Amino acid sequence: MPAISYNGRTMIPISMLSQVGVGYAWDQKKKTVDIFLQYAAGTTIPPSPSL
């Protein structure tokens, strides 16, 4: 699915972020997505509280 413009925002499929080193995890209970940066050896940096 390509990126789209919606209500003045650019929306992209979150799975595309993995192509640039961004990881994500779906929380079914909360129905939210956590987004984080991936680095070598599987380490991650937690998301910013402002996101």
Protein backbone atom coordinates (compact mmCIF):
# COMPACT_ATOMS: atom_id res chain seq x y z
CA MET A 1 0.00 0.00 0.00
CA PRO A 2 1.42 3.41 -0.91
CA ALA A 3 1.59 6.51 1.27
CA ILE A 4 -1.53 8.70 1.22
CA SER A 5 -2.45 12.22 2.23
CA TYR A 6 -5.25 12.26 4.85
CA ASN A 7 -6.52 15.38 6.61
CA GLY A 8 -3.32 17.26 5.81
CA ARG A 9 -1.04 14.45 7.06
CA THR A 10 1.05 11.93 5.18
CA MET A 11 0.15 8.40 6.20
CA ILE A 12 2.44 5.44 5.42
CA PRO A 13 2.06 1.76 6.22
CA ILE A 14 3.92 1.22 9.49
CA SER A 15 5.55 -1.90 8.04
CA MET A 16 7.51 0.39 5.67
CA LEU A 17 9.37 1.84 8.65
CA SER A 18 11.28 -1.43 9.10
CA GLN A 19 13.08 -0.65 5.82
CA VAL A 20 14.80 2.31 7.52
CA GLY A 21 15.64 0.61 10.83
CA VAL A 22 12.51 1.48 12.80
CA GLY A 23 10.79 -1.29 14.71
CA TYR A 24 7.26 -1.52 15.99
CA ALA A 25 5.13 -3.72 18.22
CA TRP A 26 1.33 -4.00 18.37
CA ASP A 27 -0.26 -4.07 21.84
CA GLN A 28 -3.55 -5.89 21.30
CA LYS A 29 -4.87 -5.13 24.79
CA LYS A 30 -4.36 -1.35 24.48
CA LYS A 31 -4.82 -1.30 20.68
CA THR A 32 -1.69 0.84 20.31
CA VAL A 33 1.59 0.64 18.40
CA ASP A 34 4.97 1.16 20.08
CA ILE A 35 7.62 2.51 17.71
CA PHE A 36 11.36 2.22 18.45
CA LEU A 37 14.75 2.51 16.77
CA GLN A 38 16.66 -0.70 16.12
CA TYR A 39 20.43 -0.91 16.41
CA ALA A 40 23.06 -3.60 15.98
CA ALA A 41 22.80 -6.83 17.98
CA GLY A 42 19.04 -6.39 18.46
CA THR A 43 19.29 -3.55 20.97
CA THR A 44 16.64 -0.86 20.93
CA ILE A 45 16.09 2.64 22.19
CA PRO A 46 12.68 3.07 23.89
CA PRO A 47 10.14 5.43 22.38
CA SER A 48 10.09 9.07 23.35
CA PRO A 49 7.34 9.95 25.85
CA SER A 50 6.30 12.78 23.53
CA LEU A 51 5.29 10.37 20.72
